[in-house]
Amino acid sequence: MKLNLGLIMENLKTPYERVAGYTDGALGLIGICPYVAGQQYAKDILYLAQWPQLRDEPRIPENVILIGGGDSALAFLEKHQINGLIFSGDCTLPGIMLEVQNIFFKYDEKEHALLNALLMNKPIQNILNACAAIMNCHASLYGSDYMLLGYSDVNLPPDSNALWQETLVANRCQIPMNTQKRDRDKAFQSKSEAGPRSVFLNTVGSENTHISSAFYHDDLHVATLVFSSDSGALSARHLWLADYIVETIHKSIIERFSSYLNPHDYLRISLITALRYAVVSDSRALKINMSRIGWRMNDDYRILLIKLPSDSCNLSHSLHAYENVFADAYPNYVTFWYDDYIFVLLRNDACNELEKYLSVLKKQLTQSNGSCSVGMKFCDLNQLRLHYELAAMPHKIHIFAKQRIKFYRDILETHIVNIITSRFPLRAVCHTAAIRLQEHDIANGTNYLETLEIYLLNNRSLLAASNKLFLHRSTLAYRIKCIQNITQVQFEDPDERLHLLLSCLALRIMSRNSLTDVDYPGANPQDAHYDFILEIREHTKGSKPRKTEAAKPPVPGQESK
């Protein structure tokens, strides 16, 4: 981060004796290095030298720190119009070098914190906290109507600060704003201006304790950033520092709070950030922009991910083609490129009317040789990253490779069971009646497990279940009688019926698992998962768990042997 001599003077612990030239100019120094006679000097470097090294040199750097020399050194620097600091001859060159380097490092860390907050699209308070840390004073942001948009909780004014307390109560800036020099705090158009664009505000007292910087989009006022200090007066060096901060955050503030920009643009930026960092940042600004297009955080949403062949050369043309498909069908949608997919977010009615337009989508997919996965409907935009991962899963499963349109709902049950079995031996908690039915089916070639599942799913309705199974009603009644004879189970207890139904579903999915470890890590439960039961048993005996070979899962039909 660039500094000026004034900021370095403000942070020095070792006292200096004299100051030459103007130290509160524009931020232009990027670091410090030792002075070497005869070399070319950079304008953005602060040079450190002993006074005897410099006094006979014909060419002098523009910014220097001298060790020793006193009044003679001061007269020499003023004669050559050099900006600099003069320390006592008792100071050591390495000591001053280290101290000034640490000042640059400190501001670099603060700059990194600000850039990180902007990159991750963090809430406005996080950004203002980073701004306040750089300025070492309080920061508050106001809209074009001077209503309070946010403030830092770093360097908060004390409760005795009446002006700030009035601002909090009114939720509006109570400081008189300077409006006579609007051209000085316009949006940044040129970096060659002679003076800073930030200005001091007229407050009670003779000291300058408030600085304001305005944000403009073209000629339209968007927001104003105010820095306030309760620990001392602010100077011209702080005006330049405020200019740098405003220039850094200008784009972000305009995107968040300008009512003159397309809110869809900010929505896209926020969604991409949420996908990248798994969190919807600055929900207040996002809600403001969403409300302008009639969207809410808790609306119904659905994600579509369109994957094109790797040899597709004209990506912008492909995106435009799919935008046209959705624009004709759905007025409420957002689309953009993310990773390897065209990301489409449908909202409310568009989620429910998806089925009507699948033929149009399939036609476009066929033309571009692409495929589309359809995620679940959800109602909390904070879950965007999670549902993105779920929507992407069908693209990774080999059995769906040739399908143009694939739905996550088709693997929902399998996915849930796989998550459980990757952490716990699910068969161990299945109902014994369901396990016995599965063993009977394997041994005798029957299909009683599926029959029981369909029968329970249809609330024990013989008519509905027989239609689902394409059986005669009397045939189904006979099967149910056989199931009861095999398992000795009754269907009167609702809790037992639920346990039976879940067991039938889990056993069916585990026996017909369509996912592999390649498709979904943990899809095939590892044998070692059974070892933890042995460890628990050993712990209950008060001894250390013994090392055992991986226990093999029971083979259907052999557990009773």
Protein backbone atom coordinates (compact mmCIF):
# COMPACT_ATOMS: atom_id res chain seq x y z
CA MET A 1 0.00 0.00 0.00
CA LYS A 2 1.30 3.46 -0.84
CA LEU A 3 1.95 5.95 1.97
CA ASN A 4 3.26 9.48 2.36
CA LEU A 5 5.81 10.85 4.82
CA GLY A 6 3.06 12.22 7.04
CA LEU A 7 1.58 8.77 7.68
CA ILE A 8 5.05 7.38 8.41
CA MET A 9 5.70 10.23 10.86
CA GLU A 10 2.36 9.51 12.56
CA ASN A 11 3.29 5.87 13.20
CA LEU A 12 6.97 6.28 14.17
CA LYS A 13 7.92 5.41 17.74
CA THR A 14 11.47 6.79 17.52
CA PRO A 15 11.30 10.62 17.76
CA TYR A 16 12.64 12.61 14.82
CA GLU A 17 14.30 16.00 15.24
CA ARG A 18 13.44 17.93 12.09
CA VAL A 19 11.06 17.82 9.11
CA ALA A 20 11.87 19.14 5.64
CA GLY A 21 9.48 19.90 2.79
CA TYR A 22 5.81 18.93 2.55
CA THR A 23 4.98 15.59 4.16
CA ASP A 24 1.20 15.44 3.61
CA GLY A 25 1.21 15.07 -0.17
CA ALA A 26 -0.40 12.36 -2.28
CA LEU A 27 0.23 8.73 -1.35
CA GLY A 28 3.22 7.75 -3.46
CA LEU A 29 5.74 5.80 -1.38
CA ILE A 30 5.76 2.02 -1.72
CA GLY A 31 8.73 1.15 0.49
CA ILE A 32 12.11 2.09 1.98
CA CYS A 33 15.64 1.09 0.98
CA PRO A 34 19.20 2.17 1.87
CA TYR A 35 20.73 5.04 -0.07
CA VAL A 36 23.52 4.02 -2.47
CA ALA A 37 25.50 6.82 -4.10
CA GLY A 38 25.56 7.02 -7.86
CA GLN A 39 22.48 4.90 -8.53
CA GLN A 40 19.28 5.99 -10.24
CA TYR A 41 16.54 6.83 -7.74
CA ALA A 42 12.86 5.93 -7.93
CA LYS A 43 10.25 8.54 -7.07
CA ASP A 44 8.12 6.07 -5.12
CA ILE A 45 10.88 4.88 -2.76
CA LEU A 46 11.88 6.42 0.56
CA TYR A 47 15.68 6.38 0.90
CA LEU A 48 17.55 6.05 4.21
CA ALA A 49 21.07 7.48 4.56
CA GLN A 50 23.65 8.82 6.99
CA TRP A 51 24.15 12.58 6.65
CA PRO A 52 27.80 12.33 5.49
CA GLN A 53 26.69 10.06 2.60
CA LEU A 54 24.39 12.70 1.18
CA ARG A 55 25.85 16.13 1.74
CA ASP A 56 28.27 16.07 -1.20
CA GLU A 57 26.01 14.30 -3.69
CA PRO A 58 24.90 16.29 -6.77
CA ARG A 59 21.70 14.22 -7.26
CA ILE A 60 19.37 13.66 -4.32
CA PRO A 61 16.25 11.42 -4.09
CA GLU A 62 12.93 13.23 -3.67
CA ASN A 63 12.12 11.55 -0.33
CA VAL A 64 14.77 10.77 2.28
CA ILE A 65 15.34 9.97 5.93
CA LEU A 66 18.67 11.20 7.31
CA ILE A 67 20.54 10.03 10.37
CA GLY A 68 22.38 13.01 11.85
CA GLY A 69 23.19 16.39 10.33
CA GLY A 70 20.87 18.57 12.41
CA ASP A 71 20.34 22.09 11.07
CA SER A 72 22.89 21.63 8.30
CA ALA A 73 20.98 18.67 6.96
CA LEU A 74 17.69 20.59 7.22
CA ALA A 75 19.11 23.55 5.27
CA PHE A 76 20.50 21.17 2.65
CA LEU A 77 17.14 19.43 2.12
CA GLU A 78 15.21 22.71 1.95
CA LYS A 79 17.71 24.11 -0.54
CA HIS A 80 17.15 21.15 -2.88
CA GLN A 81 13.37 21.04 -2.15
CA ILE A 82 13.58 17.51 -0.76
CA ASN A 83 10.93 16.02 1.53
CA GLY A 84 12.47 14.25 4.46
CA LEU A 85 12.91 13.48 8.15
CA ILE A 86 16.07 14.01 10.17
CA PHE A 87 16.85 11.80 13.17
CA SER A 88 19.45 12.18 15.83
CA GLY A 89 22.94 10.91 15.05
CA ASP A 90 22.53 8.45 17.92
CA CYS A 91 19.94 6.46 15.98
CA THR A 92 21.08 3.43 14.04
CA LEU A 93 20.38 2.97 10.38
CA PRO A 94 19.16 -0.68 10.75
CA GLY A 95 16.85 0.32 13.61
CA ILE A 96 15.14 3.09 11.63
CA MET A 97 14.98 0.86 8.54
CA LEU A 98 13.21 -1.89 10.49
CA GLU A 99 10.76 0.51 12.11
CA VAL A 100 9.73 2.12 8.79
CA GLN A 101 9.46 -1.28 7.09
CA ASN A 102 7.09 -2.43 9.85
CA ILE A 103 4.90 0.61 9.17
CA PHE A 104 4.63 -0.39 5.50
CA PHE A 105 3.90 -3.99 6.52
CA LYS A 106 1.17 -2.85 8.91
CA TYR A 107 -0.64 -0.86 6.23
CA ASP A 108 -0.17 -3.72 3.73
CA GLU A 109 -1.98 -6.04 6.14
CA LYS A 110 -4.81 -3.54 6.55
CA GLU A 111 -5.06 -3.14 2.77
CA HIS A 112 -5.16 -6.92 2.38
CA ALA A 113 -8.05 -7.13 4.87
CA LEU A 114 -10.01 -4.53 2.86
CA LEU A 115 -9.35 -6.22 -0.49
CA ASN A 116 -10.31 -9.59 0.98
CA ALA A 117 -13.62 -8.18 2.27
CA LEU A 118 -14.35 -6.79 -1.20
CA LEU A 119 -13.31 -9.97 -3.00
CA MET A 120 -15.53 -12.15 -0.81
CA ASN A 121 -18.39 -9.65 -1.06
CA LYS A 122 -18.64 -9.48 2.71
CA PRO A 123 -21.31 -7.42 4.51
CA ILE A 124 -20.89 -3.66 4.42
CA GLN A 125 -19.93 -3.58 8.11
CA ASN A 126 -16.90 -5.80 7.41
CA ILE A 127 -15.82 -3.45 4.63
CA LEU A 128 -16.30 -0.39 6.83
CA ASN A 129 -14.35 -2.09 9.62
CA ALA A 130 -11.42 -2.53 7.24
CA CYS A 131 -11.71 1.13 6.14
CA ALA A 132 -11.81 2.28 9.77
CA ALA A 133 -8.70 0.22 10.58
CA ILE A 134 -6.76 1.90 7.74
CA MET A 135 -7.88 5.39 8.79
CA ASN A 136 -7.62 4.60 12.52
CA CYS A 137 -10.96 6.29 13.11
CA HIS A 138 -14.68 5.54 12.83
CA ALA A 139 -16.35 5.04 9.43
CA SER A 140 -20.03 5.45 8.55
CA LEU A 141 -21.82 5.23 5.20
CA TYR A 142 -24.89 7.22 4.17
CA GLY A 143 -27.16 6.94 1.13
CA SER A 144 -27.99 9.63 -1.41
CA ASP A 145 -30.70 10.81 1.01
CA TYR A 146 -28.12 10.73 3.87
CA MET A 147 -29.91 7.88 5.61
CA LEU A 148 -27.52 5.62 7.52
CA LEU A 149 -26.58 2.55 5.45
CA GLY A 150 -24.00 1.09 7.82
CA TYR A 151 -21.12 1.87 10.15
CA SER A 152 -18.02 0.21 11.55
CA ASP A 153 -17.91 -1.24 15.02
CA VAL A 154 -14.19 -0.44 15.04
CA ASN A 155 -13.23 2.85 16.76
CA LEU A 156 -16.85 3.54 17.71
CA PRO A 157 -17.49 7.04 19.06
CA PRO A 158 -18.12 7.08 22.83
CA ASP A 159 -21.62 7.45 24.27
CA SER A 160 -20.71 11.04 25.16
CA ASN A 161 -20.47 11.93 21.45
CA ALA A 162 -23.82 13.72 21.06
CA LEU A 163 -23.54 14.05 17.26
CA TRP A 164 -23.16 10.31 16.78
CA GLN A 165 -25.92 9.47 19.24
CA GLU A 166 -28.28 11.81 17.36
CA THR A 167 -27.31 10.07 14.09
CA LEU A 168 -28.15 6.67 15.56
CA VAL A 169 -31.52 7.83 16.88
CA ALA A 170 -32.52 9.55 13.62
CA ASN A 171 -30.86 6.87 11.44
CA ARG A 172 -29.71 9.82 9.38
CA CYS A 173 -26.52 11.89 9.16
CA GLN A 174 -26.65 14.84 11.53
CA ILE A 175 -23.40 16.42 10.30
CA PRO A 176 -23.74 19.36 7.88
CA MET A 177 -22.45 18.23 4.49
CA ASN A 178 -20.35 20.41 2.19
CA THR A 179 -22.21 20.89 -1.10
CA GLN A 180 -20.47 23.92 -2.58
CA LYS A 181 -17.55 21.93 -4.06
CA ARG A 182 -19.32 19.01 -5.62
CA ASP A 183 -16.72 18.64 -8.38
CA ARG A 184 -14.04 17.83 -5.79
CA ASP A 185 -15.76 14.73 -4.46
CA LYS A 186 -17.20 13.44 -7.68
CA ALA A 187 -16.54 9.90 -8.88
CA PHE A 188 -12.86 9.40 -9.63
CA GLN A 189 -12.14 10.53 -13.14
CA SER A 190 -8.46 11.55 -13.02
CA LYS A 191 -5.55 10.57 -10.82
CA SER A 192 -3.55 13.70 -11.64
CA GLU A 193 -5.52 16.19 -9.53
CA ALA A 194 -3.39 18.58 -7.46
CA GLY A 195 -5.42 18.11 -4.28
CA PRO A 196 -7.42 15.41 -2.55
CA ARG A 197 -11.07 14.94 -3.44
CA SER A 198 -12.17 14.15 0.11
CA VAL A 199 -13.03 17.19 2.23
CA PHE A 200 -13.23 18.21 5.87
CA LEU A 201 -16.70 18.74 7.33
CA ASN A 202 -17.65 21.79 9.33
CA THR A 203 -18.36 20.63 12.88
CA VAL A 204 -18.42 22.32 16.27
CA GLY A 205 -14.89 23.24 17.33
CA SER A 206 -11.77 24.45 15.57
CA GLU A 207 -10.26 21.01 14.89
CA ASN A 208 -10.93 18.97 11.77
CA THR A 209 -12.45 15.77 13.15
CA HIS A 210 -14.63 14.66 10.21
CA ILE A 211 -13.82 13.81 6.58
CA SER A 212 -16.41 13.05 3.90
CA SER A 213 -16.02 11.37 0.52
CA ALA A 214 -18.89 11.07 -1.94
CA PHE A 215 -19.65 8.29 -4.42
CA TYR A 216 -21.11 9.26 -7.78
CA HIS A 217 -22.39 7.16 -10.66
CA ASP A 218 -21.97 9.45 -13.67
CA ASP A 219 -23.47 12.70 -12.28
CA LEU A 220 -25.79 11.04 -9.76
CA HIS A 221 -24.97 10.99 -6.06
CA VAL A 222 -25.12 7.42 -4.65
CA ALA A 223 -23.55 7.50 -1.17
CA THR A 224 -21.25 9.39 1.20
CA LEU A 225 -18.55 7.91 3.42
CA VAL A 226 -17.73 9.81 6.62
CA PHE A 227 -14.66 9.27 8.80
CA SER A 228 -14.73 10.72 12.31
CA SER A 229 -12.01 10.89 14.96
CA ASP A 230 -12.40 11.28 18.71
CA SER A 231 -8.70 10.89 19.45
CA GLY A 232 -7.37 14.01 17.75
CA ALA A 233 -7.53 16.22 14.68
CA LEU A 234 -7.34 14.84 11.16
CA SER A 235 -4.94 16.38 8.63
CA ALA A 236 -4.38 16.56 4.89
CA ARG A 237 -2.59 13.19 4.98
CA HIS A 238 -5.89 11.63 6.04
CA LEU A 239 -7.66 13.27 3.10
CA TRP A 240 -5.34 11.42 0.72
CA LEU A 241 -5.85 8.21 2.68
CA ALA A 242 -9.63 8.64 2.46
CA ASP A 243 -9.27 9.19 -1.30
CA TYR A 244 -7.43 5.89 -1.63
CA ILE A 245 -10.09 4.03 0.38
CA VAL A 246 -12.97 5.49 -1.63
CA GLU A 247 -11.21 4.70 -4.90
CA THR A 248 -10.74 1.09 -3.72
CA ILE A 249 -14.33 0.47 -2.62
CA HIS A 250 -16.02 2.72 -5.20
CA LYS A 251 -17.12 -0.09 -7.55
CA SER A 252 -18.51 -2.19 -4.71
CA ILE A 253 -20.52 0.69 -3.20
CA ILE A 254 -21.97 1.63 -6.59
CA GLU A 255 -22.99 -2.00 -7.27
CA ARG A 256 -24.60 -2.39 -3.85
CA PHE A 257 -26.42 0.89 -3.39
CA SER A 258 -26.90 2.58 -6.75
CA SER A 259 -30.55 2.63 -7.79
CA TYR A 260 -29.44 3.57 -11.31
CA LEU A 261 -27.78 0.23 -12.12
CA ASN A 262 -29.50 -2.95 -13.27
CA PRO A 263 -30.23 -4.91 -10.05
CA HIS A 264 -29.84 -8.16 -12.01
CA ASP A 265 -26.12 -7.37 -12.37
CA TYR A 266 -25.64 -7.12 -8.62
CA LEU A 267 -27.77 -10.22 -8.11
CA ARG A 268 -25.48 -12.18 -10.44
CA ILE A 269 -22.38 -10.94 -8.58
CA SER A 270 -23.90 -11.93 -5.23
CA LEU A 271 -24.91 -15.37 -6.49
CA ILE A 272 -21.44 -16.08 -7.89
CA THR A 273 -19.90 -15.02 -4.57
CA ALA A 274 -22.34 -17.25 -2.67
CA LEU A 275 -21.44 -20.21 -4.90
CA ARG A 276 -17.72 -19.61 -4.47
CA TYR A 277 -17.68 -19.03 -0.70
CA ALA A 278 -20.81 -20.99 0.33
CA VAL A 279 -22.43 -17.96 1.96
CA VAL A 280 -24.69 -15.15 0.77
CA SER A 281 -22.76 -12.06 1.87
CA ASP A 282 -24.14 -8.63 2.68
CA SER A 283 -27.74 -9.81 2.78
CA ARG A 284 -28.96 -6.27 3.46
CA ALA A 285 -27.66 -4.88 0.17
CA LEU A 286 -28.78 -8.04 -1.62
CA LYS A 287 -32.31 -7.73 -0.20
CA ILE A 288 -32.48 -4.09 -1.31
CA ASN A 289 -31.53 -4.98 -4.89
CA MET A 290 -33.76 -8.07 -4.94
CA SER A 291 -36.74 -6.04 -3.75
CA ARG A 292 -36.32 -3.72 -6.74
CA ILE A 293 -37.10 -6.65 -9.06
CA GLY A 294 -39.70 -8.19 -6.74
CA TRP A 295 -37.52 -11.01 -5.41
CA ARG A 296 -37.14 -12.19 -1.80
CA MET A 297 -34.64 -14.41 -0.01
CA ASN A 298 -37.33 -16.94 0.93
CA ASP A 299 -39.00 -17.27 -2.48
CA ASP A 300 -39.12 -20.67 -4.19
CA TYR A 301 -35.98 -21.38 -6.22
CA ARG A 302 -34.69 -24.17 -8.43
CA ILE A 303 -31.24 -24.60 -10.02
CA LEU A 304 -30.62 -25.91 -13.55
CA LEU A 305 -27.06 -26.71 -14.65
CA ILE A 306 -26.43 -27.01 -18.39
CA LYS A 307 -23.23 -28.79 -19.41
CA LEU A 308 -21.88 -28.41 -22.94
CA PRO A 309 -19.20 -30.51 -24.68
CA SER A 310 -15.62 -29.56 -23.86
CA ASP A 311 -14.99 -28.66 -27.53
CA SER A 312 -17.70 -25.95 -27.55
CA CYS A 313 -15.85 -22.91 -28.85
CA ASN A 314 -18.38 -20.08 -28.77
CA LEU A 315 -19.44 -20.00 -25.12
CA SER A 316 -21.03 -16.55 -25.26
CA HIS A 317 -23.20 -17.65 -28.19
CA SER A 318 -24.27 -20.76 -26.23
CA LEU A 319 -25.16 -18.68 -23.18
CA HIS A 320 -27.19 -16.30 -25.35
CA ALA A 321 -29.04 -19.21 -26.97
CA TYR A 322 -30.09 -20.67 -23.61
CA GLU A 323 -30.98 -17.23 -22.27
CA ASN A 324 -33.44 -16.96 -25.16
CA VAL A 325 -34.94 -20.33 -24.26
CA PHE A 326 -35.58 -19.29 -20.68
CA ALA A 327 -36.56 -15.71 -21.50
CA ASP A 328 -39.46 -16.96 -23.61
CA ALA A 329 -40.64 -19.36 -20.91
CA TYR A 330 -39.72 -17.79 -17.58
CA PRO A 331 -39.78 -14.07 -16.73
CA ASN A 332 -38.19 -14.78 -13.33
CA TYR A 333 -34.74 -16.26 -13.88
CA VAL A 334 -31.02 -15.42 -13.72
CA THR A 335 -28.37 -17.13 -15.82
CA PHE A 336 -24.55 -16.93 -16.07
CA TRP A 337 -21.47 -19.09 -16.57
CA TYR A 338 -20.08 -20.76 -13.44
CA ASP A 339 -17.35 -23.41 -13.46
CA ASP A 340 -18.19 -25.76 -16.34
CA TYR A 341 -21.93 -25.04 -16.39
CA ILE A 342 -24.46 -22.54 -17.58
CA PHE A 343 -26.06 -21.77 -14.22
CA VAL A 344 -29.80 -21.04 -14.32
CA LEU A 345 -31.78 -19.98 -11.25
CA LEU A 346 -35.56 -20.18 -11.60
CA ARG A 347 -37.92 -18.45 -9.19
CA ASN A 348 -41.51 -19.05 -7.97
CA ASP A 349 -43.86 -19.80 -10.90
CA ALA A 350 -40.92 -20.69 -13.13
CA CYS A 351 -40.05 -23.53 -10.73
CA ASN A 352 -43.54 -24.99 -10.93
CA GLU A 353 -43.92 -24.56 -14.70
CA LEU A 354 -40.63 -26.25 -15.59
CA GLU A 355 -42.29 -29.40 -16.90
CA LYS A 356 -44.23 -27.44 -19.54
CA TYR A 357 -41.08 -26.25 -21.30
CA LEU A 358 -38.87 -29.32 -21.07
CA SER A 359 -39.48 -30.14 -24.74
CA VAL A 360 -38.12 -26.73 -25.81
CA LEU A 361 -35.13 -27.13 -23.53
CA LYS A 362 -34.47 -30.65 -24.81
CA LYS A 363 -34.51 -29.42 -28.40
CA GLN A 364 -31.85 -26.79 -27.61
CA LEU A 365 -29.79 -29.37 -25.71
CA THR A 366 -29.90 -31.68 -28.72
CA GLN A 367 -28.73 -28.90 -31.04
CA SER A 368 -25.76 -28.06 -28.78
CA ASN A 369 -25.10 -31.69 -27.76
CA GLY A 370 -25.47 -30.68 -24.13
CA SER A 371 -27.24 -32.02 -21.06
CA CYS A 372 -29.12 -30.41 -18.20
CA SER A 373 -29.48 -31.43 -14.57
CA VAL A 374 -32.43 -30.18 -12.53
CA GLY A 375 -32.08 -29.63 -8.79
CA MET A 376 -34.64 -29.65 -6.01
CA LYS A 377 -36.92 -26.75 -5.25
CA PHE A 378 -35.78 -24.79 -2.16
CA CYS A 379 -36.93 -21.67 -0.34
CA ASP A 380 -33.83 -20.15 1.28
CA LEU A 381 -31.22 -18.44 -0.87
CA ASN A 382 -28.65 -19.01 1.88
CA GLN A 383 -28.69 -22.70 0.83
CA LEU A 384 -27.62 -21.83 -2.72
CA ARG A 385 -24.20 -23.54 -2.59
CA LEU A 386 -25.64 -26.76 -1.12
CA HIS A 387 -28.35 -27.02 -3.78
CA TYR A 388 -25.78 -26.25 -6.48
CA GLU A 389 -23.81 -29.32 -5.38
CA LEU A 390 -26.97 -31.43 -5.35
CA ALA A 391 -27.98 -30.20 -8.81
CA ALA A 392 -24.51 -31.02 -10.16
CA MET A 393 -24.60 -34.62 -8.90
CA PRO A 394 -26.61 -36.14 -11.81
CA HIS A 395 -23.91 -34.89 -14.21
CA LYS A 396 -21.36 -37.02 -12.35
CA ILE A 397 -23.30 -40.32 -12.42
CA HIS A 398 -22.47 -42.65 -15.28
CA ILE A 399 -25.97 -44.16 -15.63
CA PHE A 400 -27.29 -40.69 -16.60
CA ALA A 401 -24.51 -40.00 -19.11
CA LYS A 402 -26.74 -40.32 -22.20
CA GLN A 403 -29.78 -38.49 -20.82
CA ARG A 404 -30.38 -34.94 -22.03
CA ILE A 405 -32.34 -33.91 -18.93
CA LYS A 406 -31.68 -35.55 -15.57
CA PHE A 407 -33.26 -34.86 -12.21
CA TYR A 408 -31.69 -34.98 -8.78
CA ARG A 409 -34.99 -36.32 -7.44
CA ASP A 410 -34.28 -39.58 -9.29
CA ILE A 411 -31.30 -40.25 -7.01
CA LEU A 412 -32.58 -38.52 -3.87
CA GLU A 413 -33.40 -41.71 -1.96
CA THR A 414 -30.17 -43.40 -3.01
CA HIS A 415 -28.14 -40.33 -2.04
CA ILE A 416 -29.67 -40.15 1.45
CA VAL A 417 -29.12 -43.86 2.11
CA ASN A 418 -25.54 -43.65 0.83
CA ILE A 419 -24.77 -40.76 3.18
CA ILE A 420 -26.04 -42.80 6.12
CA THR A 421 -24.35 -46.06 5.14
CA SER A 422 -21.03 -44.28 4.63
CA ARG A 423 -21.08 -43.46 8.36
CA PHE A 424 -23.12 -46.28 9.91
CA PRO A 425 -24.06 -49.92 9.11
CA LEU A 426 -27.67 -49.18 8.23
CA ARG A 427 -28.63 -52.85 7.88
CA ALA A 428 -28.03 -53.28 11.61
CA VAL A 429 -31.06 -51.12 12.46
CA CYS A 430 -33.41 -52.44 9.77
CA HIS A 431 -36.55 -54.23 10.91
CA THR A 432 -36.00 -57.97 11.28
CA ALA A 433 -39.16 -58.68 9.28
CA ALA A 434 -37.76 -56.74 6.30
CA ILE A 435 -34.41 -58.56 6.57
CA ARG A 436 -36.18 -61.96 6.65
CA LEU A 437 -38.25 -61.01 3.62
CA GLN A 438 -35.11 -60.02 1.71
CA GLU A 439 -33.50 -63.36 2.62
CA HIS A 440 -36.63 -65.21 1.48
CA ASP A 441 -36.69 -63.31 -1.81
CA ILE A 442 -33.05 -64.20 -2.52
CA ALA A 443 -33.53 -67.86 -1.61
CA ASN A 444 -36.86 -68.39 -3.44
CA GLY A 445 -36.87 -65.81 -6.25
CA THR A 446 -39.92 -63.98 -4.86
CA ASN A 447 -40.49 -60.23 -4.68
CA TYR A 448 -42.13 -59.85 -1.27
CA LEU A 449 -39.91 -56.96 -0.07
CA GLU A 450 -41.04 -54.66 -2.88
CA THR A 451 -44.64 -55.80 -2.41
CA LEU A 452 -44.55 -54.84 1.27
CA GLU A 453 -42.96 -51.44 0.48
CA ILE A 454 -45.64 -50.55 -2.09
CA TYR A 455 -48.41 -51.84 0.22
CA LEU A 456 -47.21 -49.62 3.10
CA LEU A 457 -46.57 -46.62 0.83
CA ASN A 458 -50.21 -46.78 -0.27
CA ASN A 459 -51.43 -46.79 3.32
CA ARG A 460 -52.36 -50.53 3.16
CA SER A 461 -54.86 -49.94 0.36
CA LEU A 462 -55.15 -53.19 -1.64
CA LEU A 463 -56.69 -51.39 -4.61
CA ALA A 464 -54.05 -48.64 -4.88
CA ALA A 465 -51.14 -51.00 -4.22
CA SER A 466 -52.38 -53.61 -6.73
CA ASN A 467 -52.68 -50.94 -9.42
CA LYS A 468 -49.13 -49.81 -8.67
CA LEU A 469 -47.80 -53.37 -8.86
CA PHE A 470 -50.00 -54.30 -11.87
CA LEU A 471 -51.48 -57.21 -9.89
CA HIS A 472 -55.00 -58.45 -9.28
CA ARG A 473 -56.34 -57.40 -5.91
CA SER A 474 -56.75 -61.00 -4.75
CA THR A 475 -53.17 -61.80 -5.79
CA LEU A 476 -51.90 -58.94 -3.68
CA ALA A 477 -54.05 -60.08 -0.72
CA TYR A 478 -52.50 -63.55 -1.04
CA ARG A 479 -48.98 -62.05 -1.05
CA ILE A 480 -49.70 -60.01 2.07
CA LYS A 481 -50.92 -63.19 3.80
CA CYS A 482 -47.67 -64.95 2.82
CA ILE A 483 -45.63 -62.01 4.14
CA GLN A 484 -47.41 -62.18 7.48
CA ASN A 485 -46.79 -65.92 7.68
CA ILE A 486 -43.05 -65.45 6.99
CA THR A 487 -42.47 -62.51 9.34
CA GLN A 488 -45.19 -62.95 11.97
CA VAL A 489 -45.65 -59.18 11.87
CA GLN A 490 -48.87 -57.22 12.32
CA PHE A 491 -49.57 -53.89 10.67
CA GLU A 492 -51.67 -52.24 13.38
CA ASP A 493 -48.88 -50.29 15.13
CA PRO A 494 -48.09 -47.08 13.13
CA ASP A 495 -44.54 -46.84 14.54
CA GLU A 496 -43.79 -50.39 13.46
CA ARG A 497 -45.25 -49.71 10.00
CA LEU A 498 -42.93 -46.70 9.63
CA HIS A 499 -39.93 -48.78 10.73
CA LEU A 500 -40.90 -51.49 8.24
CA LEU A 501 -41.36 -49.02 5.39
CA LEU A 502 -38.00 -47.32 5.98
CA SER A 503 -36.30 -50.71 6.26
CA CYS A 504 -37.81 -51.91 2.99
CA LEU A 505 -36.68 -48.73 1.25
CA ALA A 506 -33.13 -48.90 2.69
CA LEU A 507 -32.64 -52.60 1.88
CA ARG A 508 -33.92 -52.12 -1.67
CA ILE A 509 -31.57 -49.19 -2.30
CA MET A 510 -28.54 -50.94 -0.77
CA SER A 511 -29.15 -54.02 -2.92
CA ARG A 512 -29.64 -52.02 -6.12
CA ASN A 513 -27.20 -49.18 -5.56
CA SER A 514 -26.83 -47.23 -8.79
CA LEU A 515 -24.04 -45.03 -7.42
CA THR A 516 -20.39 -45.99 -7.08
CA ASP A 517 -17.53 -44.52 -5.11
CA VAL A 518 -16.48 -42.74 -8.30
CA ASP A 519 -19.91 -41.11 -8.65
CA TYR A 520 -20.33 -40.29 -5.00
CA PRO A 521 -17.61 -40.80 -2.34
CA GLY A 522 -18.89 -43.18 0.31
CA ALA A 523 -21.57 -44.72 -1.90
CA ASN A 524 -20.30 -48.21 -1.09
CA PRO A 525 -20.08 -48.61 2.71
CA GLN A 526 -16.69 -49.83 3.82
CA ASP A 527 -16.37 -53.06 5.78
CA ALA A 528 -14.39 -51.24 8.45
CA HIS A 529 -17.53 -49.38 9.52
CA TYR A 530 -18.59 -52.47 11.42
CA ASP A 531 -15.45 -52.27 13.57
CA PHE A 532 -16.72 -49.38 15.64
CA ILE A 533 -19.36 -51.66 17.24
CA LEU A 534 -16.56 -53.94 18.40
CA GLU A 535 -14.69 -50.91 19.77
CA ILE A 536 -17.75 -49.78 21.71
CA ARG A 537 -18.08 -53.27 23.17
CA GLU A 538 -14.42 -53.25 24.24
CA HIS A 539 -14.76 -49.78 25.83
CA THR A 540 -17.72 -50.94 27.91
CA LYS A 541 -15.47 -53.66 29.34
CA GLY A 542 -12.91 -51.05 30.36
CA SER A 543 -10.15 -52.30 28.06
CA LYS A 544 -8.52 -50.86 24.98
CA PRO A 545 -10.09 -51.75 21.65
CA ARG A 546 -8.40 -54.73 20.11
CA LYS A 547 -7.19 -54.71 16.54
CA THR A 548 -9.36 -56.87 14.35
CA GLU A 549 -9.53 -57.71 10.73
CA ALA A 550 -12.23 -55.88 8.81
CA ALA A 551 -15.47 -57.71 9.48
CA LYS A 552 -17.28 -58.82 6.37
CA PRO A 553 -20.86 -57.65 5.94
CA PRO A 554 -23.47 -60.37 6.32
CA VAL A 555 -24.38 -62.14 3.11
CA PRO A 556 -28.12 -62.14 2.53
CA GLY A 557 -29.53 -65.58 3.22
CA GLN A 558 -26.66 -66.67 5.48
CA GLU A 559 -27.18 -64.60 8.65
CA SER A 560 -29.27 -67.33 10.27
CA LYS A 561 -26.70 -70.03 9.66
